[in-house]
């Protein structure tokens, strides 16, 4: 049995998205409808379908990786009867290298991996579509007030022509003659048989004799869809908004996945986000900081508020204005944090210099005794 990763041309560390992309590319290239009469392409399409059926399922992929690690699917892989039991031979025990395993253990693993017990199985169930994520850029102001945006998403969606059946309008899928509608077939592997997805119907249990011309029998088509998304007031950079059922279309009648819209908020020239609080740098003069003052500062809603600067305020002091910050998604607002920046003039005229010099003579040395080392 050929390694599934090699079949799809991906590494063993490939992500689920990489596995999906590799399958779609190979499936389109080797699809029987695209290569009528080409037996080699048909066989290759079957191999790709079986590989994807396992690697696209996280649980089955983990079990497959474990079996591969034991050498079950590699060159020389397989199991031979082992020795054991009171009579010196137990047909229920199999060996691989120096390891021994109970037949029941493999029955459980292989049943989960290939979709049924030896010689049995059932048609594959409907599968939920994959979730998708798309980013949308908005201004800082829109993040505070809320906005409705149109978001384009390119994704596989239900074919409008056949409504997802994959069959040409007026026709219906037929029961697969190879698996008789079960979706799986048994393959002999020594003294036991493995059930694996039917390569002809790819586990669907049905085949399409007259494929839909729009989707080629896939039931889904790649198309651009634009959704109107309401961005609520108060979103941050990286906030996710969930649109239920707007992701990829489901498989075999399964529900669609979800679409997550991630907000990318532009920076503001005035405000910095601190959770639900907003930080604002407020310049004040030396006199305002020393004597105290009332200064007007802008608020994020476009208005202004009077800020009381206490006498003796130091550079870097932060004052809090309650309820003037960013809106909270669950109601209420954060606070506006005003951080004072005492501005020292770069140049002084003659009168200013004389006043500052007089003030300097009147004030005590702030460093007196601070740097005197004790001997």
Protein backbone atom coordinates (compact mmCIF):
# COMPACT_ATOMS: atom_id res chain seq x y z
CA UNK A 1 0.00 0.00 0.00
CA UNK A 2 1.52 3.31 -1.08
CA UNK A 3 2.13 5.94 1.60
CA UNK A 4 -0.82 8.38 1.66
CA UNK A 5 1.42 11.43 2.12
CA UNK A 6 3.44 10.48 -0.97
CA UNK A 7 0.21 9.93 -2.86
CA UNK A 8 -0.88 13.52 -2.20
CA UNK A 9 2.65 14.91 -2.52
CA UNK A 10 2.72 16.52 0.95
CA UNK A 11 4.97 16.15 3.96
CA UNK A 12 3.93 14.30 7.11
CA UNK A 13 3.82 17.66 8.92
CA UNK A 14 1.49 19.25 6.34
CA UNK A 15 -1.46 21.21 7.71
CA UNK A 16 -5.05 20.21 6.98
CA UNK A 17 -5.33 23.13 4.55
CA UNK A 18 -2.23 21.93 2.68
CA UNK A 19 -3.67 18.41 2.48
CA UNK A 20 -6.95 19.80 1.14
CA UNK A 21 -5.24 21.99 -1.48
CA UNK A 22 -3.07 19.11 -2.66
CA UNK A 23 -6.12 16.84 -3.02
CA UNK A 24 -8.12 19.41 -4.97
CA UNK A 25 -5.26 19.97 -7.38
CA UNK A 26 -4.72 16.25 -8.01
CA UNK A 27 -8.44 15.48 -8.14
CA UNK A 28 -9.00 18.09 -10.84
CA UNK A 29 -5.98 16.81 -12.78
CA UNK A 30 -6.93 13.11 -12.73
CA UNK A 31 -10.75 13.26 -12.57
CA UNK A 32 -12.30 10.62 -14.88
CA UNK A 33 -14.58 13.23 -16.43
CA UNK A 34 -11.50 15.16 -17.52
CA UNK A 35 -9.65 12.04 -18.71
CA UNK A 36 -12.28 9.79 -20.34
CA UNK A 37 -10.94 6.33 -21.09
CA UNK A 38 -7.59 6.94 -19.36
CA UNK A 39 -7.25 3.97 -16.99
CA UNK A 40 -4.03 5.29 -15.49
CA UNK A 41 -5.66 8.60 -14.58
CA UNK A 42 -8.65 6.74 -13.15
CA UNK A 43 -6.41 4.60 -10.91
CA UNK A 44 -4.49 7.66 -9.82
CA UNK A 45 -7.76 9.42 -9.00
CA UNK A 46 -8.80 6.44 -6.83
CA UNK A 47 -5.48 6.49 -4.96
CA UNK A 48 -5.75 10.21 -4.32
CA UNK A 49 -9.34 9.88 -3.08
CA UNK A 50 -8.52 7.09 -0.64
CA UNK A 51 -5.49 8.98 0.70
CA UNK A 52 -7.48 12.16 1.22
CA UNK A 53 -10.34 10.30 2.88
CA UNK A 54 -7.95 9.29 5.68
CA UNK A 55 -5.66 12.33 5.98
CA UNK A 56 -8.53 14.85 5.93
CA UNK A 57 -9.91 13.34 9.14
CA UNK A 58 -7.74 14.25 12.15
CA UNK A 59 -8.64 11.12 14.11
CA UNK A 60 -8.03 8.78 11.18
CA UNK A 61 -4.82 10.62 10.30
CA UNK A 62 -3.46 10.14 13.83
CA UNK A 63 -4.26 6.43 13.69
CA UNK A 64 -2.72 6.12 10.23
CA UNK A 65 0.47 7.85 11.42
CA UNK A 66 0.70 5.42 14.33
CA UNK A 67 0.24 2.40 12.06
CA UNK A 68 2.83 3.82 9.63
CA UNK A 69 5.28 4.23 12.49
CA UNK A 70 4.91 0.51 13.18
CA UNK A 71 5.60 -0.24 9.51
CA UNK A 72 2.14 -1.48 8.60
CA UNK A 73 1.91 0.50 5.36
CA UNK A 74 5.53 0.95 4.35
CA UNK A 75 7.79 -1.28 2.21
CA UNK A 76 7.55 -4.81 3.54
CA UNK A 77 4.70 -3.78 5.77
CA UNK A 78 2.02 -6.15 6.94
CA UNK A 79 1.62 -8.64 9.75
CA UNK A 80 2.44 -12.28 10.10
CA UNK A 81 1.12 -14.83 12.62
CA UNK A 82 3.03 -14.68 15.90
CA UNK A 83 3.91 -17.26 18.50
CA UNK A 84 2.11 -17.36 21.82
CA UNK A 85 -0.53 -19.12 23.86
CA UNK A 86 -0.44 -22.38 25.74
CA UNK A 87 0.00 -24.44 22.55
CA UNK A 88 2.92 -22.30 21.33
CA UNK A 89 0.90 -20.70 18.51
CA UNK A 90 -1.95 -18.24 18.70
CA UNK A 91 -3.53 -17.16 15.37
CA UNK A 92 -4.96 -14.06 17.06
CA UNK A 93 -1.47 -12.65 17.68
CA UNK A 94 0.45 -10.83 14.95
CA UNK A 95 4.02 -9.58 14.93
CA UNK A 96 5.74 -6.65 13.30
CA UNK A 97 9.47 -6.70 13.91
CA UNK A 98 9.93 -7.52 17.57
CA UNK A 99 6.49 -6.24 18.55
CA UNK A 100 3.40 -8.40 19.08
CA UNK A 101 -0.20 -7.26 18.85
CA UNK A 102 -3.59 -8.78 19.53
CA UNK A 103 -5.90 -9.11 16.54
CA UNK A 104 -8.58 -7.27 18.51
CA UNK A 105 -6.32 -4.25 18.89
CA UNK A 106 -5.81 -4.00 15.13
CA UNK A 107 -9.49 -4.61 14.52
CA UNK A 108 -10.34 -1.52 16.53
CA UNK A 109 -7.66 0.63 14.87
CA UNK A 110 -8.33 -0.52 11.34
CA UNK A 111 -12.07 -0.22 11.81
CA UNK A 112 -11.69 3.41 12.81
CA UNK A 113 -9.09 4.08 10.11
CA UNK A 114 -10.89 2.61 7.13
CA UNK A 115 -14.49 3.12 8.18
CA UNK A 116 -15.74 -0.33 9.26
CA UNK A 117 -14.89 -3.82 10.48
CA UNK A 118 -13.48 -6.51 8.19
CA UNK A 119 -15.89 -7.28 5.39
CA UNK A 120 -18.44 -4.69 6.53
CA UNK A 121 -18.99 -0.96 6.52
CA UNK A 122 -21.47 1.68 5.74
CA UNK A 123 -21.83 4.71 3.53
CA UNK A 124 -19.93 7.74 4.70
CA UNK A 125 -21.97 10.21 6.68
CA UNK A 126 -22.52 13.82 5.79
CA UNK A 127 -19.61 16.03 6.75
CA UNK A 128 -19.64 19.59 8.01
CA UNK A 129 -17.87 22.12 5.81
CA UNK A 130 -14.58 23.67 6.90
CA UNK A 131 -14.46 26.94 8.80
CA UNK A 132 -12.97 29.96 7.02
CA UNK A 133 -11.31 33.14 8.26
CA UNK A 134 -11.02 36.48 6.52
CA UNK A 135 -9.62 39.82 7.72
CA UNK A 136 -11.31 43.20 7.26
CA UNK A 137 -9.62 46.58 7.78
CA UNK A 138 -11.52 49.39 9.50
CA UNK A 139 -10.61 52.83 10.84
CA UNK A 140 -10.10 53.55 14.53
CA UNK A 141 -13.22 55.72 14.53
CA UNK A 142 -15.34 52.94 12.98
CA UNK A 143 -14.11 50.51 15.65
CA UNK A 144 -15.56 52.84 18.31
CA UNK A 145 -18.84 53.71 16.60
CA UNK A 146 -19.57 50.47 14.71
CA UNK A 147 -19.90 50.05 10.95
CA UNK A 148 -21.36 47.68 8.34
CA UNK A 149 -18.89 46.43 5.72
CA UNK A 150 -19.06 44.21 2.64
CA UNK A 151 -16.63 41.29 2.90
CA UNK A 152 -15.66 39.31 -0.24
CA UNK A 153 -14.94 35.61 0.36
CA UNK A 154 -13.75 33.15 -2.31
CA UNK A 155 -14.75 29.64 -1.29
CA UNK A 156 -16.35 26.38 -2.45
CA UNK A 157 -20.11 26.80 -2.30
CA UNK A 158 -23.14 24.69 -3.21
CA UNK A 159 -23.58 24.54 -6.98
CA UNK A 160 -26.68 26.51 -7.90
CA UNK A 161 -27.29 24.42 -11.04
CA UNK A 162 -27.56 20.98 -9.40
CA UNK A 163 -28.19 22.25 -5.86
CA UNK A 164 -25.29 20.23 -4.54
CA UNK A 165 -26.26 16.82 -5.95
CA UNK A 166 -23.49 16.83 -8.57
CA UNK A 167 -25.89 15.36 -11.13
CA UNK A 168 -27.12 17.02 -14.29
CA UNK A 169 -30.54 18.66 -13.72
CA UNK A 170 -33.26 16.08 -14.41
CA UNK A 171 -31.06 13.15 -13.35
CA UNK A 172 -30.13 11.64 -10.00
CA UNK A 173 -27.09 9.79 -8.63
CA UNK A 174 -27.20 5.97 -8.96
CA UNK A 175 -26.26 3.31 -6.42
CA UNK A 176 -22.59 2.37 -6.85
CA UNK A 177 -22.39 -1.14 -8.41
CA UNK A 178 -18.97 -1.85 -6.81
CA UNK A 179 -19.95 -1.36 -3.16
CA UNK A 180 -23.74 -1.72 -3.57
CA UNK A 181 -24.29 1.61 -1.86
CA UNK A 182 -22.29 0.81 1.28
CA UNK A 183 -19.52 3.27 0.47
CA UNK A 184 -16.75 0.81 1.41
CA UNK A 185 -15.22 -2.33 -0.08
CA UNK A 186 -13.21 -5.11 1.54
CA UNK A 187 -9.59 -5.68 0.55
CA UNK A 188 -7.83 -8.90 1.53
CA UNK A 189 -4.64 -8.42 3.55
CA UNK A 190 -3.33 -11.91 4.34
CA UNK A 191 -5.59 -13.69 6.80
CA UNK A 192 -7.90 -10.74 7.39
CA UNK A 193 -9.68 -8.15 5.26
CA UNK A 194 -9.69 -4.39 5.57
CA UNK A 195 -12.64 -2.20 4.70
CA UNK A 196 -11.69 0.99 2.90
CA UNK A 197 -13.61 3.71 1.09
CA UNK A 198 -14.87 2.55 -2.26
CA UNK A 199 -12.56 4.14 -4.86
CA UNK A 200 -15.25 4.27 -7.52
CA UNK A 201 -17.76 6.31 -5.54
CA UNK A 202 -15.21 7.72 -3.07
CA UNK A 203 -17.27 6.47 -0.15
CA UNK A 204 -20.47 8.17 -1.23
CA UNK A 205 -22.34 4.96 -2.02
CA UNK A 206 -23.57 6.55 -5.24
CA UNK A 207 -22.10 7.46 -8.61
CA UNK A 208 -23.07 10.19 -11.03
CA UNK A 209 -23.58 8.97 -14.58
CA UNK A 210 -24.48 12.41 -15.95
CA UNK A 211 -22.41 15.00 -14.09
CA UNK A 212 -23.57 18.58 -13.73
CA UNK A 213 -21.81 20.69 -16.36
CA UNK A 214 -21.35 23.59 -13.98
CA UNK A 215 -19.53 21.78 -11.15
CA UNK A 216 -18.35 18.65 -13.01
CA UNK A 217 -20.14 16.39 -10.51
CA UNK A 218 -18.49 17.84 -7.43
CA UNK A 219 -21.67 19.49 -6.15
CA UNK A 220 -19.69 22.59 -5.20
CA UNK A 221 -18.04 25.38 -7.17
CA UNK A 222 -15.41 27.97 -6.31
CA UNK A 223 -17.09 31.33 -6.30
CA UNK A 224 -16.80 34.81 -4.84
CA UNK A 225 -19.49 35.64 -2.30
CA UNK A 226 -19.89 39.00 -0.61
CA UNK A 227 -21.36 39.16 2.86
CA UNK A 228 -22.71 42.22 4.66
CA UNK A 229 -21.10 42.14 8.10
CA UNK A 230 -22.15 44.37 10.99
CA UNK A 231 -19.09 45.37 13.01
CA UNK A 232 -20.27 46.28 16.53
CA UNK A 233 -18.97 49.34 18.37
CA UNK A 234 -15.99 48.55 20.60
CA UNK A 235 -14.18 45.90 18.55
CA UNK A 236 -10.41 45.68 19.02
CA UNK A 237 -7.68 44.74 16.58
CA UNK A 238 -8.02 40.96 16.24
CA UNK A 239 -11.66 40.67 17.35
CA UNK A 240 -13.40 37.72 15.64
CA UNK A 241 -16.98 37.96 14.43
CA UNK A 242 -18.65 34.62 13.68
CA UNK A 243 -21.04 34.14 10.76
CA UNK A 244 -22.62 30.75 11.33
CA UNK A 245 -22.89 28.49 8.29
CA UNK A 246 -21.12 30.93 5.94
CA UNK A 247 -17.91 28.89 5.62
CA UNK A 248 -17.24 26.13 3.11
CA UNK A 249 -20.20 24.10 1.91
CA UNK A 250 -20.77 20.77 3.64
CA UNK A 251 -20.04 17.42 1.98
CA UNK A 252 -22.80 14.90 1.19
CA UNK A 253 -25.51 17.23 2.46
CA UNK A 254 -23.66 18.22 5.63
CA UNK A 255 -24.01 21.70 7.15
CA UNK A 256 -21.75 24.53 6.07
CA UNK A 257 -18.79 25.61 8.17
CA UNK A 258 -18.57 28.98 9.89
CA UNK A 259 -16.93 32.16 8.63
CA UNK A 260 -14.83 34.18 11.07
CA UNK A 261 -14.29 37.85 10.22
CA UNK A 262 -11.19 39.24 11.97
CA UNK A 263 -11.05 43.01 12.46
CA UNK A 264 -7.83 44.88 11.69
CA UNK A 265 -8.13 48.31 13.30
CA UNK A 266 -5.97 51.20 12.06
CA UNK A 267 -3.98 53.18 14.62
CA UNK A 268 -5.29 56.53 15.91
CA UNK A 269 -3.27 59.74 15.80
CA UNK A 270 -4.50 60.68 19.30
CA UNK A 271 -5.61 57.64 21.26
CA UNK A 272 -3.92 54.38 22.23
CA UNK A 273 -6.04 51.36 23.10
CA UNK A 274 -5.56 49.82 26.57
CA UNK A 275 -8.24 47.14 26.67
CA UNK A 276 -11.48 49.15 26.93
CA UNK A 277 -9.58 52.24 28.13
CA UNK A 278 -8.06 54.86 25.83
CA UNK A 279 -4.78 56.60 26.58
CA UNK A 280 -4.29 60.25 25.55
CA UNK A 281 -1.04 62.24 25.88
CA UNK A 282 -1.90 65.74 27.25
CA UNK A 283 0.74 68.51 26.99
CA UNK A 284 0.72 71.03 29.91
CA UNK A 285 2.95 73.99 30.69
CA UNK A 286 5.26 74.16 33.69
CA UNK A 287 2.98 76.74 35.25
CA UNK A 288 -0.14 74.58 34.76
CA UNK A 289 1.58 71.59 36.30
CA UNK A 290 2.94 73.62 39.22
CA UNK A 291 -0.12 75.77 39.98
CA UNK A 292 -2.89 73.48 38.77
CA UNK A 293 -5.29 74.22 35.95
CA UNK A 294 -8.35 73.14 34.02
CA UNK A 295 -7.61 72.11 30.42
CA UNK A 296 -9.90 70.90 27.66
CA UNK A 297 -9.10 67.53 26.10
CA UNK A 298 -10.80 65.68 23.19
CA UNK A 299 -12.92 62.58 23.72
CA UNK A 300 -13.23 59.67 21.26
CA UNK A 301 -16.84 60.54 20.43
CA UNK A 302 -15.71 63.85 18.85
CA UNK A 303 -16.53 66.06 21.83
CA UNK A 304 -14.37 67.44 24.62
CA UNK A 305 -14.21 67.40 28.41
CA UNK A 306 -12.55 69.64 31.03
CA UNK A 307 -9.65 67.93 32.79
CA UNK A 308 -8.61 69.19 36.24
CA UNK A 309 -4.82 69.18 36.57
CA UNK A 310 -3.92 69.16 40.30
CA UNK A 311 -1.25 71.59 41.51
CA UNK A 312 2.19 70.01 41.70
CA UNK A 313 1.51 67.38 39.00
CA UNK A 314 4.64 65.66 37.75
CA UNK A 315 5.47 64.73 34.16
CA UNK A 316 3.95 61.35 33.33
CA UNK A 317 1.14 61.52 35.87
CA UNK A 318 -2.01 59.79 34.58
CA UNK A 319 -5.46 61.14 35.35
CA UNK A 320 -8.61 59.07 34.79
CA UNK A 321 -11.82 60.39 33.21
CA UNK A 322 -14.53 57.82 33.95
CA UNK A 323 -16.76 56.52 31.16
CA UNK A 324 -15.07 58.37 28.30
CA UNK A 325 -13.11 55.44 26.86
CA UNK A 326 -14.02 52.85 24.23
CA UNK A 327 -17.44 51.14 24.16
CA UNK A 328 -17.52 47.64 25.64
CA UNK A 329 -19.00 44.90 23.46
CA UNK A 330 -21.23 43.79 26.35
CA UNK A 331 -22.32 47.32 27.28
CA UNK A 332 -20.86 50.32 29.05
CA UNK A 333 -17.63 52.16 28.30
CA UNK A 334 -14.05 52.14 29.47
CA UNK A 335 -12.19 55.19 30.81
CA UNK A 336 -10.13 57.92 29.20
CA UNK A 337 -6.58 57.99 30.62
CA UNK A 338 -4.93 61.41 30.35
CA UNK A 339 -1.14 61.20 30.75
CA UNK A 340 0.41 64.60 31.48
CA UNK A 341 3.48 65.72 29.57
CA UNK A 342 5.11 68.82 31.08
CA UNK A 343 6.50 70.94 28.25
CA UNK A 344 9.75 72.83 28.85
CA UNK A 345 10.18 75.73 26.41
CA UNK A 346 13.16 75.35 24.10
CA UNK A 347 13.82 79.12 24.09
CA UNK A 348 13.11 81.94 26.60
CA UNK A 349 12.94 85.68 26.04
CA UNK A 350 14.76 88.07 28.39
CA UNK A 351 11.82 88.59 30.75
CA UNK A 352 11.03 84.86 30.97
CA UNK A 353 14.67 84.06 31.68
CA UNK A 354 14.83 86.59 34.51
CA UNK A 355 11.65 85.19 36.07
CA UNK A 356 12.92 81.61 35.86
CA UNK A 357 16.28 82.63 37.34
CA UNK A 358 14.49 84.40 40.22
CA UNK A 359 12.38 81.27 40.81
CA UNK A 360 15.49 79.08 40.76
CA UNK A 361 17.09 81.20 43.52
CA UNK A 362 14.00 80.88 45.65
CA UNK A 363 13.63 77.07 45.35
CA UNK A 364 15.68 74.63 47.43
CA UNK A 365 18.14 72.28 45.70
CA UNK A 366 16.16 69.05 45.01
CA UNK A 367 19.41 67.06 45.05
CA UNK A 368 20.66 68.32 48.40
CA UNK A 369 21.80 65.32 50.44
CA UNK A 370 20.51 62.85 47.87
CA UNK A 371 23.88 61.84 46.43
CA UNK A 372 26.03 62.32 49.56
CA UNK A 373 27.73 59.03 50.32
CA UNK A 374 28.17 57.98 53.94
CA UNK A 375 31.83 57.24 54.89
